[in-house]
Amino acid sequence: MARQGRLVRSRVAVALFAALAAASACAGDGSSSSSSSVSVSGTSSVSSSRAEGAESSGAVPASLDARLAGRDTTPLPAGVLLRFQAISRAPDPRSNHRWLLHDDRRLYLAFHSDDSEGAAPFDTDYPDDATTSLDVAEVSELLDAVLDDGRFATLDPFQQGAPTAEGGMWRIVTARLDDGSVYEVVYDRVSNAMLDRLQRVGSDHRTGS
C-alpha cells in the first residue's frame, strides 16, 4: 500500500510539471489562451490508468441522519483526484461545502447558500467554471495528507469519534488511487490534521472571502 501512495503522488507531480511546461511553451509561441490550455486528464499517464465511474461510497451504518444520507455519492468524475464534503451536525447548514480537485489542478468549490432552512446538506451545484487553480505545491500537500503512503485505503469506510452533546461535523473524503479504484471514508465527529487541512481549502479559496 505504501508503494501505491508513492506512485500516485509521483505520477501526479510528473503530470503537473509537464502541464506547466506545455503551457509555458504555448505562451512563448504567442498562442491564445484557448489554444494553450492543457488538460492533464486528457494526455497524461495519471488519468490513463484510472477507471471512470467507480462507485465512491463505502459501507456505512444503515441508519443515517438525513443530512449525511444526502451527501454526494455519485461516481467520482474522470480526471478528479479528490472530493471533500463537510456537513455540519448543527441545524444551520450554511457552513456546509464540498469541492473537487482535478488532475490539472482545477478546483471546483461549492458552499451551501445563505438559506438556513431545510435538511439537504447541499443546495447549490458545483460552479460551471473552476473556482481557482491550485499551485503544484498545494496539490502535492493535499495528496500527501490524504494518501499517507497508502494508509488511507486501509481505513474502515466509516470512522466515528467520541459523541458530543451537540455539534460536530461529518467529513467525507473520496480519493482516486493509482490502480484506478476510488476509496471513500466517512468521518463522523473525527478531528485530525488531514481533515482540518482539507477543510481549510474551502475557507482559503471561497469566492469573496
N, C-alpha and C. Protein backbone atom coordinates (compact mmCIF):
# COMPACT_ATOMS: atom_id res chain seq x y z
N MET A 1 0.82 -1.21 0.00
CA MET A 1 0.00 0.00 0.00
C MET A 1 0.86 1.26 0.00
N ALA A 2 2.04 1.22 0.69
CA ALA A 2 2.92 2.39 0.71
C ALA A 2 3.38 2.73 -0.70
N ARG A 3 3.70 1.66 -1.47
CA ARG A 3 4.13 1.87 -2.85
C ARG A 3 3.03 2.54 -3.66
N GLN A 4 1.79 2.14 -3.43
CA GLN A 4 0.67 2.72 -4.17
C GLN A 4 0.57 4.22 -3.91
N GLY A 5 0.70 4.63 -2.66
CA GLY A 5 0.63 6.05 -2.34
C GLY A 5 1.74 6.84 -2.99
N ARG A 6 2.97 6.24 -2.98
CA ARG A 6 4.08 6.96 -3.60
C ARG A 6 3.89 7.07 -5.11
N LEU A 7 3.36 6.01 -5.73
CA LEU A 7 3.17 6.03 -7.17
C LEU A 7 2.22 7.13 -7.61
N VAL A 8 1.08 7.23 -6.95
CA VAL A 8 0.10 8.21 -7.38
C VAL A 8 0.64 9.62 -7.22
N ARG A 9 1.40 9.87 -6.14
CA ARG A 9 1.94 11.21 -5.95
C ARG A 9 3.02 11.52 -6.98
N SER A 10 3.89 10.54 -7.29
CA SER A 10 4.96 10.79 -8.25
C SER A 10 4.40 11.02 -9.64
N ARG A 11 3.36 10.23 -10.01
CA ARG A 11 2.78 10.42 -11.34
C ARG A 11 2.05 11.74 -11.44
N VAL A 12 1.38 12.13 -10.40
CA VAL A 12 0.70 13.43 -10.42
C VAL A 12 1.71 14.55 -10.55
N ALA A 13 2.81 14.46 -9.81
CA ALA A 13 3.83 15.50 -9.88
C ALA A 13 4.38 15.62 -11.28
N VAL A 14 4.69 14.46 -11.92
CA VAL A 14 5.20 14.50 -13.29
C VAL A 14 4.20 15.14 -14.22
N ALA A 15 2.92 14.75 -14.08
CA ALA A 15 1.90 15.30 -14.97
C ALA A 15 1.72 16.80 -14.77
N LEU A 16 1.75 17.24 -13.52
CA LEU A 16 1.57 18.66 -13.25
C LEU A 16 2.69 19.49 -13.85
N PHE A 17 3.94 19.02 -13.66
CA PHE A 17 5.06 19.77 -14.20
C PHE A 17 5.05 19.74 -15.73
N ALA A 18 4.60 18.62 -16.32
CA ALA A 18 4.50 18.54 -17.77
C ALA A 18 3.47 19.54 -18.28
N ALA A 19 2.35 19.64 -17.56
CA ALA A 19 1.31 20.58 -17.96
C ALA A 19 1.81 22.01 -17.91
N LEU A 20 2.54 22.34 -16.84
CA LEU A 20 3.07 23.69 -16.70
C LEU A 20 4.07 24.00 -17.81
N ALA A 21 4.91 23.02 -18.12
CA ALA A 21 5.91 23.23 -19.17
C ALA A 21 5.24 23.44 -20.52
N ALA A 22 4.20 22.63 -20.79
CA ALA A 22 3.50 22.77 -22.06
C ALA A 22 2.81 24.12 -22.17
N ALA A 23 2.20 24.54 -21.07
CA ALA A 23 1.51 25.83 -21.07
C ALA A 23 2.50 26.96 -21.31
N SER A 24 3.70 26.88 -20.68
CA SER A 24 4.72 27.90 -20.86
C SER A 24 5.18 27.96 -22.31
N ALA A 25 5.33 26.77 -22.93
CA ALA A 25 5.78 26.72 -24.31
C ALA A 25 4.77 27.38 -25.24
N CYS A 26 3.48 27.11 -24.99
CA CYS A 26 2.44 27.73 -25.81
C CYS A 26 2.43 29.23 -25.64
N ALA A 27 2.64 29.68 -24.43
CA ALA A 27 2.65 31.11 -24.17
C ALA A 27 3.80 31.77 -24.93
N GLY A 28 4.94 31.05 -24.98
CA GLY A 28 6.09 31.59 -25.69
C GLY A 28 5.86 31.68 -27.18
N ASP A 29 4.97 30.82 -27.73
CA ASP A 29 4.66 30.85 -29.15
C ASP A 29 3.70 31.97 -29.51
N GLY A 30 3.12 32.64 -28.48
CA GLY A 30 2.12 33.65 -28.75
C GLY A 30 0.76 33.05 -28.96
N SER A 31 0.57 31.79 -28.58
CA SER A 31 -0.72 31.14 -28.75
C SER A 31 -1.74 31.79 -27.86
N SER A 32 -3.00 31.72 -28.25
CA SER A 32 -4.08 32.28 -27.44
C SER A 32 -4.32 31.41 -26.24
N SER A 33 -5.02 31.96 -25.23
CA SER A 33 -5.29 31.21 -24.01
C SER A 33 -6.15 30.00 -24.31
N SER A 34 -7.04 30.08 -25.31
CA SER A 34 -7.91 28.95 -25.60
C SER A 34 -7.12 27.80 -26.20
N SER A 35 -6.07 28.09 -27.00
CA SER A 35 -5.30 27.03 -27.61
C SER A 35 -4.20 26.52 -26.69
N SER A 36 -3.82 27.29 -25.66
CA SER A 36 -2.72 26.88 -24.80
C SER A 36 -3.18 26.16 -23.55
N SER A 37 -4.49 26.02 -23.36
CA SER A 37 -4.96 25.31 -22.19
C SER A 37 -4.55 23.85 -22.27
N VAL A 38 -4.02 23.34 -21.15
CA VAL A 38 -3.51 21.98 -21.11
C VAL A 38 -4.36 21.16 -20.16
N SER A 39 -4.85 20.03 -20.63
CA SER A 39 -5.64 19.14 -19.79
C SER A 39 -4.84 17.90 -19.48
N VAL A 40 -4.35 17.81 -18.24
CA VAL A 40 -3.60 16.63 -17.84
C VAL A 40 -4.46 15.40 -17.98
N SER A 41 -5.77 15.54 -17.66
CA SER A 41 -6.65 14.38 -17.67
C SER A 41 -6.78 13.79 -19.07
N GLY A 42 -6.50 14.57 -20.11
CA GLY A 42 -6.63 14.04 -21.45
C GLY A 42 -5.35 13.48 -22.01
N THR A 43 -4.19 13.78 -21.37
CA THR A 43 -2.94 13.43 -22.01
C THR A 43 -1.98 12.64 -21.15
N SER A 44 -2.17 12.58 -19.86
CA SER A 44 -1.13 12.04 -19.00
C SER A 44 -1.40 10.63 -18.55
N SER A 45 -0.32 9.96 -18.10
CA SER A 45 -0.46 8.63 -17.53
C SER A 45 -1.21 8.67 -16.21
N VAL A 46 -1.31 9.86 -15.62
CA VAL A 46 -2.04 9.97 -14.36
C VAL A 46 -3.46 9.49 -14.51
N SER A 47 -4.14 9.95 -15.57
CA SER A 47 -5.53 9.58 -15.73
C SER A 47 -5.72 8.35 -16.59
N SER A 48 -4.75 8.02 -17.45
CA SER A 48 -4.94 6.91 -18.36
C SER A 48 -5.07 5.59 -17.61
N SER A 49 -4.53 5.52 -16.38
CA SER A 49 -4.61 4.29 -15.62
C SER A 49 -5.82 4.25 -14.70
N ARG A 50 -6.66 5.29 -14.76
CA ARG A 50 -7.78 5.38 -13.83
C ARG A 50 -9.09 4.99 -14.50
N ALA A 51 -9.85 4.16 -13.82
CA ALA A 51 -11.16 3.77 -14.35
C ALA A 51 -12.16 4.88 -14.13
N GLU A 52 -13.08 5.02 -15.07
CA GLU A 52 -14.14 6.01 -14.92
C GLU A 52 -15.34 5.36 -14.24
N GLY A 53 -16.11 6.18 -13.53
CA GLY A 53 -17.37 5.72 -13.00
C GLY A 53 -17.27 4.76 -11.83
N ALA A 54 -16.14 4.78 -11.11
CA ALA A 54 -16.01 3.90 -9.96
C ALA A 54 -16.94 4.36 -8.85
N GLU A 55 -17.64 3.43 -8.22
CA GLU A 55 -18.51 3.80 -7.12
C GLU A 55 -17.66 4.32 -5.97
N SER A 56 -18.09 5.41 -5.35
CA SER A 56 -17.23 6.07 -4.38
C SER A 56 -17.56 5.75 -2.93
N SER A 57 -18.79 5.33 -2.66
CA SER A 57 -19.19 5.23 -1.26
C SER A 57 -18.95 3.84 -0.70
N GLY A 58 -18.29 3.79 0.45
CA GLY A 58 -18.11 2.53 1.15
C GLY A 58 -19.29 2.23 2.04
N ALA A 59 -19.21 1.12 2.74
CA ALA A 59 -20.30 0.71 3.63
C ALA A 59 -20.34 1.61 4.86
N VAL A 60 -21.51 2.14 5.16
CA VAL A 60 -21.72 2.95 6.36
C VAL A 60 -22.96 2.43 7.06
N PRO A 61 -23.17 2.79 8.32
CA PRO A 61 -24.35 2.29 9.03
C PRO A 61 -25.64 2.55 8.26
N ALA A 62 -26.54 1.59 8.32
CA ALA A 62 -27.79 1.69 7.56
C ALA A 62 -28.67 2.84 8.05
N SER A 63 -28.65 3.09 9.35
CA SER A 63 -29.48 4.15 9.91
C SER A 63 -28.66 5.43 9.97
N LEU A 64 -28.95 6.34 9.07
CA LEU A 64 -28.18 7.57 8.96
C LEU A 64 -29.06 8.78 9.19
N ASP A 65 -28.47 9.83 9.71
CA ASP A 65 -29.12 11.13 9.74
C ASP A 65 -29.43 11.53 8.29
N ALA A 66 -30.56 12.17 8.08
CA ALA A 66 -30.97 12.54 6.72
C ALA A 66 -29.95 13.43 6.04
N ARG A 67 -29.25 14.23 6.81
CA ARG A 67 -28.28 15.12 6.20
C ARG A 67 -27.10 14.34 5.64
N LEU A 68 -26.60 13.37 6.39
CA LEU A 68 -25.50 12.55 5.89
C LEU A 68 -25.97 11.67 4.74
N ALA A 69 -27.19 11.18 4.83
CA ALA A 69 -27.73 10.36 3.75
C ALA A 69 -27.82 11.15 2.45
N GLY A 70 -27.88 12.48 2.56
CA GLY A 70 -27.97 13.32 1.37
C GLY A 70 -26.63 13.74 0.81
N ARG A 71 -25.54 13.17 1.30
CA ARG A 71 -24.22 13.51 0.79
C ARG A 71 -24.09 13.08 -0.67
N ASP A 72 -23.07 13.59 -1.34
CA ASP A 72 -22.82 13.25 -2.73
C ASP A 72 -22.20 11.86 -2.80
N THR A 73 -22.94 10.90 -3.36
CA THR A 73 -22.42 9.54 -3.51
C THR A 73 -22.26 9.16 -4.99
N THR A 74 -22.27 10.16 -5.87
CA THR A 74 -22.11 9.87 -7.29
C THR A 74 -20.69 9.40 -7.57
N PRO A 75 -20.51 8.63 -8.65
CA PRO A 75 -19.15 8.21 -9.02
C PRO A 75 -18.23 9.42 -9.19
N LEU A 76 -17.00 9.26 -8.77
CA LEU A 76 -16.03 10.35 -8.93
C LEU A 76 -15.80 10.59 -10.41
N PRO A 77 -15.98 11.82 -10.88
CA PRO A 77 -15.82 12.09 -12.33
C PRO A 77 -14.40 11.76 -12.81
N ALA A 78 -14.29 11.40 -14.07
CA ALA A 78 -12.99 11.12 -14.66
C ALA A 78 -12.09 12.34 -14.51
N GLY A 79 -10.83 12.10 -14.20
CA GLY A 79 -9.87 13.19 -14.07
C GLY A 79 -9.87 13.88 -12.72
N VAL A 80 -10.75 13.47 -11.80
CA VAL A 80 -10.80 14.08 -10.48
C VAL A 80 -9.98 13.24 -9.50
N LEU A 81 -9.11 13.90 -8.76
CA LEU A 81 -8.26 13.22 -7.79
C LEU A 81 -8.90 13.09 -6.42
N LEU A 82 -9.54 14.17 -5.97
CA LEU A 82 -10.09 14.21 -4.62
C LEU A 82 -11.47 14.88 -4.62
N ARG A 83 -12.33 14.38 -3.74
CA ARG A 83 -13.57 15.08 -3.42
C ARG A 83 -13.65 15.17 -1.90
N PHE A 84 -14.03 16.35 -1.42
CA PHE A 84 -14.17 16.57 0.03
C PHE A 84 -15.53 17.17 0.28
N GLN A 85 -16.21 16.66 1.32
CA GLN A 85 -17.51 17.19 1.71
C GLN A 85 -17.50 17.44 3.22
N ALA A 86 -17.99 18.59 3.62
CA ALA A 86 -18.11 18.94 5.04
C ALA A 86 -19.57 19.26 5.32
N ILE A 87 -20.17 18.50 6.24
CA ILE A 87 -21.59 18.65 6.57
C ILE A 87 -21.73 18.85 8.06
N SER A 88 -22.32 19.96 8.45
CA SER A 88 -22.46 20.26 9.87
C SER A 88 -23.55 19.40 10.51
N ARG A 89 -23.30 18.96 11.74
CA ARG A 89 -24.33 18.27 12.52
C ARG A 89 -25.29 19.27 13.17
N ALA A 90 -24.90 20.52 13.21
CA ALA A 90 -25.77 21.55 13.80
C ALA A 90 -26.92 21.84 12.84
N PRO A 91 -28.00 22.45 13.35
CA PRO A 91 -29.17 22.72 12.49
C PRO A 91 -28.88 23.66 11.31
N ASP A 92 -27.94 24.55 11.47
CA ASP A 92 -27.65 25.55 10.43
C ASP A 92 -26.69 24.95 9.39
N PRO A 93 -27.11 24.82 8.13
CA PRO A 93 -26.26 24.18 7.12
C PRO A 93 -25.35 25.13 6.33
N ARG A 94 -25.33 26.40 6.70
CA ARG A 94 -24.67 27.38 5.84
C ARG A 94 -23.15 27.21 5.75
N SER A 95 -22.55 26.47 6.67
CA SER A 95 -21.11 26.22 6.57
C SER A 95 -20.79 24.99 5.73
N ASN A 96 -21.81 24.26 5.31
CA ASN A 96 -21.58 23.05 4.51
C ASN A 96 -20.94 23.41 3.18
N HIS A 97 -19.99 22.60 2.76
CA HIS A 97 -19.37 22.84 1.47
C HIS A 97 -18.74 21.56 0.94
N ARG A 98 -18.42 21.58 -0.32
CA ARG A 98 -17.77 20.43 -0.97
C ARG A 98 -16.90 20.94 -2.10
N TRP A 99 -15.88 20.18 -2.42
CA TRP A 99 -15.03 20.57 -3.53
C TRP A 99 -14.48 19.36 -4.27
N LEU A 100 -14.12 19.61 -5.54
CA LEU A 100 -13.49 18.62 -6.41
C LEU A 100 -12.14 19.16 -6.86
N LEU A 101 -11.12 18.31 -6.79
CA LEU A 101 -9.79 18.68 -7.28
C LEU A 101 -9.45 17.81 -8.48
N HIS A 102 -9.29 18.47 -9.64
CA HIS A 102 -8.96 17.76 -10.88
C HIS A 102 -7.45 17.56 -11.00
N ASP A 103 -7.06 16.62 -11.88
CA ASP A 103 -5.64 16.33 -12.02
C ASP A 103 -4.89 17.37 -12.85
N ASP A 104 -5.59 18.40 -13.34
CA ASP A 104 -4.88 19.54 -13.94
C ASP A 104 -4.88 20.74 -12.99
N ARG A 105 -5.16 20.47 -11.72
CA ARG A 105 -5.08 21.42 -10.60
C ARG A 105 -6.29 22.34 -10.47
N ARG A 106 -7.31 22.16 -11.30
CA ARG A 106 -8.52 22.98 -11.17
C ARG A 106 -9.30 22.56 -9.93
N LEU A 107 -9.79 23.54 -9.20
CA LEU A 107 -10.60 23.31 -8.01
C LEU A 107 -12.00 23.86 -8.24
N TYR A 108 -13.01 23.03 -7.98
CA TYR A 108 -14.41 23.44 -8.06
C TYR A 108 -14.99 23.39 -6.65
N LEU A 109 -15.39 24.53 -6.13
CA LEU A 109 -15.81 24.65 -4.74
C LEU A 109 -17.25 25.18 -4.68
N ALA A 110 -18.08 24.54 -3.87
CA ALA A 110 -19.48 24.96 -3.72
C ALA A 110 -19.86 24.98 -2.25
N PHE A 111 -20.31 26.13 -1.78
CA PHE A 111 -20.83 26.28 -0.42
C PHE A 111 -22.35 26.25 -0.45
N HIS A 112 -22.94 25.84 0.66
CA HIS A 112 -24.38 25.96 0.83
C HIS A 112 -24.76 27.44 0.73
N SER A 113 -25.97 27.69 0.29
CA SER A 113 -26.42 29.08 0.18
C SER A 113 -26.63 29.68 1.57
N ASP A 114 -27.10 30.91 1.60
CA ASP A 114 -27.37 31.58 2.87
C ASP A 114 -28.70 31.16 3.49
N ASP A 115 -29.41 30.27 2.83
CA ASP A 115 -30.67 29.75 3.36
C ASP A 115 -30.38 28.77 4.50
N SER A 116 -30.87 29.06 5.68
CA SER A 116 -30.57 28.22 6.84
C SER A 116 -31.63 27.16 7.10
N GLU A 117 -32.61 27.04 6.22
CA GLU A 117 -33.69 26.07 6.39
C GLU A 117 -33.44 24.83 5.53
N GLY A 118 -34.10 23.73 5.89
CA GLY A 118 -34.05 22.54 5.06
C GLY A 118 -33.02 21.53 5.56
N ALA A 119 -33.27 20.26 5.20
CA ALA A 119 -32.40 19.18 5.67
C ALA A 119 -31.35 18.77 4.65
N ALA A 120 -31.44 19.27 3.42
CA ALA A 120 -30.46 18.89 2.40
C ALA A 120 -29.09 19.45 2.77
N PRO A 121 -28.05 18.63 2.73
CA PRO A 121 -26.73 19.13 3.10
C PRO A 121 -26.17 20.16 2.12
N PHE A 122 -26.58 20.07 0.87
CA PHE A 122 -26.10 21.00 -0.15
C PHE A 122 -27.29 21.47 -0.99
N ASP A 123 -27.37 22.77 -1.21
CA ASP A 123 -28.45 23.30 -2.05
C ASP A 123 -27.91 24.07 -3.24
N THR A 124 -26.62 23.93 -3.51
CA THR A 124 -26.01 24.55 -4.68
C THR A 124 -25.19 23.50 -5.43
N ASP A 125 -25.06 23.69 -6.74
CA ASP A 125 -24.24 22.80 -7.55
C ASP A 125 -22.81 23.32 -7.62
N TYR A 126 -21.91 22.48 -8.10
CA TYR A 126 -20.57 22.96 -8.38
C TYR A 126 -20.64 24.02 -9.48
N PRO A 127 -19.75 25.00 -9.46
CA PRO A 127 -19.77 26.04 -10.50
C PRO A 127 -19.40 25.45 -11.86
N ASP A 128 -19.88 26.11 -12.92
CA ASP A 128 -19.54 25.67 -14.28
C ASP A 128 -18.06 25.90 -14.56
N ASP A 129 -17.52 26.98 -14.05
CA ASP A 129 -16.11 27.30 -14.24
C ASP A 129 -15.35 27.04 -12.95
N ALA A 130 -14.10 26.68 -13.08
CA ALA A 130 -13.28 26.38 -11.90
C ALA A 130 -13.22 27.59 -10.97
N THR A 131 -13.27 27.32 -9.68
CA THR A 131 -13.14 28.38 -8.69
C THR A 131 -11.75 28.98 -8.73
N THR A 132 -10.76 28.12 -8.88
CA THR A 132 -9.37 28.55 -8.95
C THR A 132 -8.54 27.38 -9.44
N SER A 133 -7.28 27.63 -9.70
CA SER A 133 -6.31 26.56 -9.97
C SER A 133 -5.28 26.59 -8.85
N LEU A 134 -5.10 25.47 -8.20
CA LEU A 134 -4.14 25.41 -7.11
C LEU A 134 -2.73 25.31 -7.67
N ASP A 135 -1.76 25.76 -6.89
CA ASP A 135 -0.39 25.61 -7.34
C ASP A 135 0.08 24.18 -7.07
N VAL A 136 1.18 23.81 -7.70
CA VAL A 136 1.69 22.44 -7.62
C VAL A 136 1.97 22.05 -6.18
N ALA A 137 2.52 22.96 -5.40
CA ALA A 137 2.87 22.65 -4.01
C ALA A 137 1.64 22.31 -3.19
N GLU A 138 0.55 23.06 -3.39
CA GLU A 138 -0.65 22.78 -2.60
C GLU A 138 -1.29 21.45 -3.01
N VAL A 139 -1.30 21.17 -4.30
CA VAL A 139 -1.83 19.87 -4.75
C VAL A 139 -1.05 18.73 -4.12
N SER A 140 0.28 18.84 -4.15
CA SER A 140 1.12 17.79 -3.57
C SER A 140 0.87 17.65 -2.07
N GLU A 141 0.69 18.79 -1.40
CA GLU A 141 0.43 18.77 0.04
C GLU A 141 -0.88 18.04 0.35
N LEU A 142 -1.92 18.32 -0.44
CA LEU A 142 -3.21 17.69 -0.20
C LEU A 142 -3.16 16.19 -0.47
N LEU A 143 -2.49 15.80 -1.56
CA LEU A 143 -2.38 14.38 -1.86
C LEU A 143 -1.57 13.65 -0.80
N ASP A 144 -0.48 14.27 -0.35
CA ASP A 144 0.32 13.66 0.71
C ASP A 144 -0.51 13.47 1.98
N ALA A 145 -1.32 14.48 2.30
CA ALA A 145 -2.12 14.42 3.53
C ALA A 145 -3.13 13.29 3.48
N VAL A 146 -3.75 13.09 2.32
CA VAL A 146 -4.80 12.07 2.21
C VAL A 146 -4.22 10.68 2.03
N LEU A 147 -3.36 10.50 1.04
CA LEU A 147 -2.90 9.16 0.71
C LEU A 147 -2.01 8.56 1.78
N ASP A 148 -1.19 9.38 2.42
CA ASP A 148 -0.43 8.96 3.59
C ASP A 148 0.27 7.62 3.35
N ASP A 149 1.01 7.52 2.25
CA ASP A 149 1.75 6.31 1.91
C ASP A 149 0.88 5.05 1.92
N GLY A 150 -0.34 5.19 1.43
CA GLY A 150 -1.21 4.04 1.27
C GLY A 150 -2.10 3.72 2.44
N ARG A 151 -1.94 4.41 3.55
CA ARG A 151 -2.72 4.04 4.74
C ARG A 151 -4.20 4.42 4.61
N PHE A 152 -4.50 5.44 3.81
CA PHE A 152 -5.90 5.86 3.65
C PHE A 152 -6.77 4.69 3.17
N ALA A 153 -6.27 3.94 2.19
CA ALA A 153 -7.05 2.86 1.58
C ALA A 153 -7.19 1.65 2.49
N THR A 154 -6.54 1.67 3.65
CA THR A 154 -6.69 0.56 4.60
C THR A 154 -7.67 0.88 5.71
N LEU A 155 -8.18 2.11 5.75
CA LEU A 155 -9.10 2.51 6.82
C LEU A 155 -10.48 1.91 6.60
N ASP A 156 -11.19 1.65 7.69
CA ASP A 156 -12.59 1.30 7.58
C ASP A 156 -13.33 2.48 6.96
N PRO A 157 -14.34 2.22 6.12
CA PRO A 157 -15.00 3.32 5.42
C PRO A 157 -15.86 4.21 6.30
N PHE A 158 -16.09 3.84 7.55
CA PHE A 158 -16.84 4.71 8.46
C PHE A 158 -16.03 4.85 9.75
N GLN A 159 -15.61 6.07 10.03
CA GLN A 159 -14.80 6.38 11.21
C GLN A 159 -15.62 7.27 12.13
N GLN A 160 -15.79 6.85 13.37
CA GLN A 160 -16.64 7.61 14.30
C GLN A 160 -15.83 8.03 15.52
N GLY A 161 -15.92 9.33 15.83
CA GLY A 161 -15.26 9.86 17.01
C GLY A 161 -16.17 9.77 18.22
N ALA A 162 -15.69 10.32 19.32
CA ALA A 162 -16.48 10.30 20.56
C ALA A 162 -17.71 11.19 20.41
N PRO A 163 -18.90 10.69 20.77
CA PRO A 163 -20.11 11.52 20.68
C PRO A 163 -19.99 12.76 21.55
N THR A 164 -20.56 13.83 21.07
CA THR A 164 -20.60 15.08 21.85
C THR A 164 -22.06 15.46 22.06
N ALA A 165 -22.31 16.37 22.98
CA ALA A 165 -23.68 16.76 23.29
C ALA A 165 -24.38 17.30 22.04
N GLU A 166 -23.67 18.11 21.26
CA GLU A 166 -24.24 18.64 20.03
C GLU A 166 -23.12 19.13 19.15
N GLY A 167 -23.45 19.43 17.92
CA GLY A 167 -22.45 19.97 17.01
C GLY A 167 -21.58 18.89 16.41
N GLY A 168 -20.42 19.30 15.95
CA GLY A 168 -19.54 18.38 15.24
C GLY A 168 -19.88 18.36 13.77
N MET A 169 -19.11 17.57 13.02
CA MET A 169 -19.28 17.53 11.57
C MET A 169 -19.13 16.12 11.05
N TRP A 170 -19.76 15.89 9.89
CA TRP A 170 -19.40 14.77 9.05
C TRP A 170 -18.47 15.30 7.98
N ARG A 171 -17.38 14.59 7.75
CA ARG A 171 -16.49 14.98 6.67
C ARG A 171 -16.21 13.73 5.84
N ILE A 172 -16.39 13.86 4.55
CA ILE A 172 -16.30 12.71 3.65
C ILE A 172 -15.17 12.97 2.67
N VAL A 173 -14.22 12.03 2.63
CA VAL A 173 -13.05 12.16 1.76
C VAL A 173 -13.09 11.02 0.74
N THR A 174 -13.07 11.39 -0.53
CA THR A 174 -13.10 10.41 -1.62
C THR A 174 -11.84 10.62 -2.46
N ALA A 175 -11.03 9.57 -2.62
CA ALA A 175 -9.75 9.71 -3.32
C ALA A 175 -9.61 8.65 -4.40
N ARG A 176 -9.02 9.05 -5.52
CA ARG A 176 -8.74 8.11 -6.59
C ARG A 176 -7.33 7.55 -6.38
N LEU A 177 -7.25 6.23 -6.35
CA LEU A 177 -5.97 5.56 -6.15
C LEU A 177 -5.31 5.28 -7.49
N ASP A 178 -4.03 4.91 -7.44
CA ASP A 178 -3.26 4.76 -8.66
C ASP A 178 -3.74 3.60 -9.53
N ASP A 179 -4.41 2.61 -8.95
CA ASP A 179 -4.87 1.47 -9.74
C ASP A 179 -6.21 1.73 -10.42
N GLY A 180 -6.72 2.96 -10.30
CA GLY A 180 -7.98 3.29 -10.93
C GLY A 180 -9.18 3.18 -10.02
N SER A 181 -9.00 2.60 -8.84
CA SER A 181 -10.11 2.45 -7.90
C SER A 181 -10.33 3.74 -7.13
N VAL A 182 -11.51 3.85 -6.57
CA VAL A 182 -11.88 5.01 -5.77
C VAL A 182 -12.19 4.53 -4.36
N TYR A 183 -11.64 5.22 -3.38
CA TYR A 183 -11.89 4.83 -1.99
C TYR A 183 -12.43 6.04 -1.24
N GLU A 184 -13.42 5.78 -0.40
CA GLU A 184 -14.05 6.85 0.36
C GLU A 184 -14.13 6.48 1.84
N VAL A 185 -13.90 7.49 2.67
CA VAL A 185 -14.04 7.32 4.11
C VAL A 185 -14.96 8.42 4.64
N VAL A 186 -15.96 8.03 5.41
CA VAL A 186 -16.87 8.97 6.07
C VAL A 186 -16.40 9.13 7.51
N TYR A 187 -16.12 10.36 7.91
CA TYR A 187 -15.66 10.65 9.26
C TYR A 187 -16.79 11.34 10.03
N ASP A 188 -17.19 10.75 11.13
CA ASP A 188 -18.26 11.30 11.95
C ASP A 188 -17.66 11.83 13.25
N ARG A 189 -17.66 13.15 13.39
CA ARG A 189 -17.13 13.80 14.59
C ARG A 189 -15.68 13.38 14.87
N VAL A 190 -14.90 13.30 13.82
CA VAL A 190 -13.48 12.99 13.92
C VAL A 190 -12.70 14.25 13.60
N SER A 191 -11.68 14.53 14.37
CA SER A 191 -10.82 15.68 14.11
C SER A 191 -9.38 15.21 14.01
N ASN A 192 -8.73 15.53 12.91
CA ASN A 192 -7.31 15.25 12.78
C ASN A 192 -6.71 16.26 11.80
N ALA A 193 -5.38 16.25 11.69
CA ALA A 193 -4.69 17.25 10.88
C ALA A 193 -5.08 17.15 9.41
N MET A 194 -5.26 15.94 8.89
CA MET A 194 -5.62 15.78 7.49
C MET A 194 -6.97 16.40 7.18
N LEU A 195 -7.97 16.10 8.01
CA LEU A 195 -9.31 16.65 7.78
C LEU A 195 -9.33 18.17 7.91
N ASP A 196 -8.61 18.68 8.90
CA ASP A 196 -8.56 20.13 9.08
C ASP A 196 -7.90 20.80 7.87
N ARG A 197 -6.87 20.14 7.31
CA ARG A 197 -6.20 20.72 6.14
C ARG A 197 -7.15 20.74 4.93
N LEU A 198 -7.89 19.66 4.73
CA LEU A 198 -8.82 19.62 3.60
C LEU A 198 -9.94 20.64 3.77
N GLN A 199 -10.40 20.81 4.99
CA GLN A 199 -11.47 21.78 5.22
C GLN A 199 -10.99 23.20 4.99
N ARG A 200 -9.72 23.43 5.25
CA ARG A 200 -9.18 24.77 5.06
C ARG A 200 -9.17 25.20 3.60
N VAL A 201 -9.19 24.22 2.68
CA VAL A 201 -9.28 24.55 1.25
C VAL A 201 -10.52 25.40 1.00
N GLY A 202 -11.64 25.05 1.65
CA GLY A 202 -12.86 25.80 1.46
C GLY A 202 -12.75 27.25 1.91
N SER A 203 -12.20 27.46 3.10
CA SER A 203 -12.09 28.84 3.60
C SER A 203 -11.01 29.63 2.85
N ASP A 204 -9.95 28.94 2.41
CA ASP A 204 -8.86 29.64 1.70
C ASP A 204 -9.29 30.11 0.31
N HIS A 205 -10.18 29.37 -0.33
CA HIS A 205 -10.48 29.65 -1.73
C HIS A 205 -11.94 30.03 -1.98
N ARG A 206 -12.67 30.31 -0.91
CA ARG A 206 -14.06 30.71 -1.10
C ARG A 206 -14.12 32.05 -1.81
N THR A 207 -14.93 32.14 -2.84
CA THR A 207 -15.04 33.37 -3.62
C THR A 207 -15.60 34.50 -2.74
N GLY A 208 -14.90 35.62 -2.76
CA GLY A 208 -15.35 36.77 -1.99
C GLY A 208 -14.89 36.76 -0.56
N SER A 209 -14.11 35.73 -0.16
CA SER A 209 -13.65 35.68 1.24
C SER A 209 -12.41 36.52 1.43
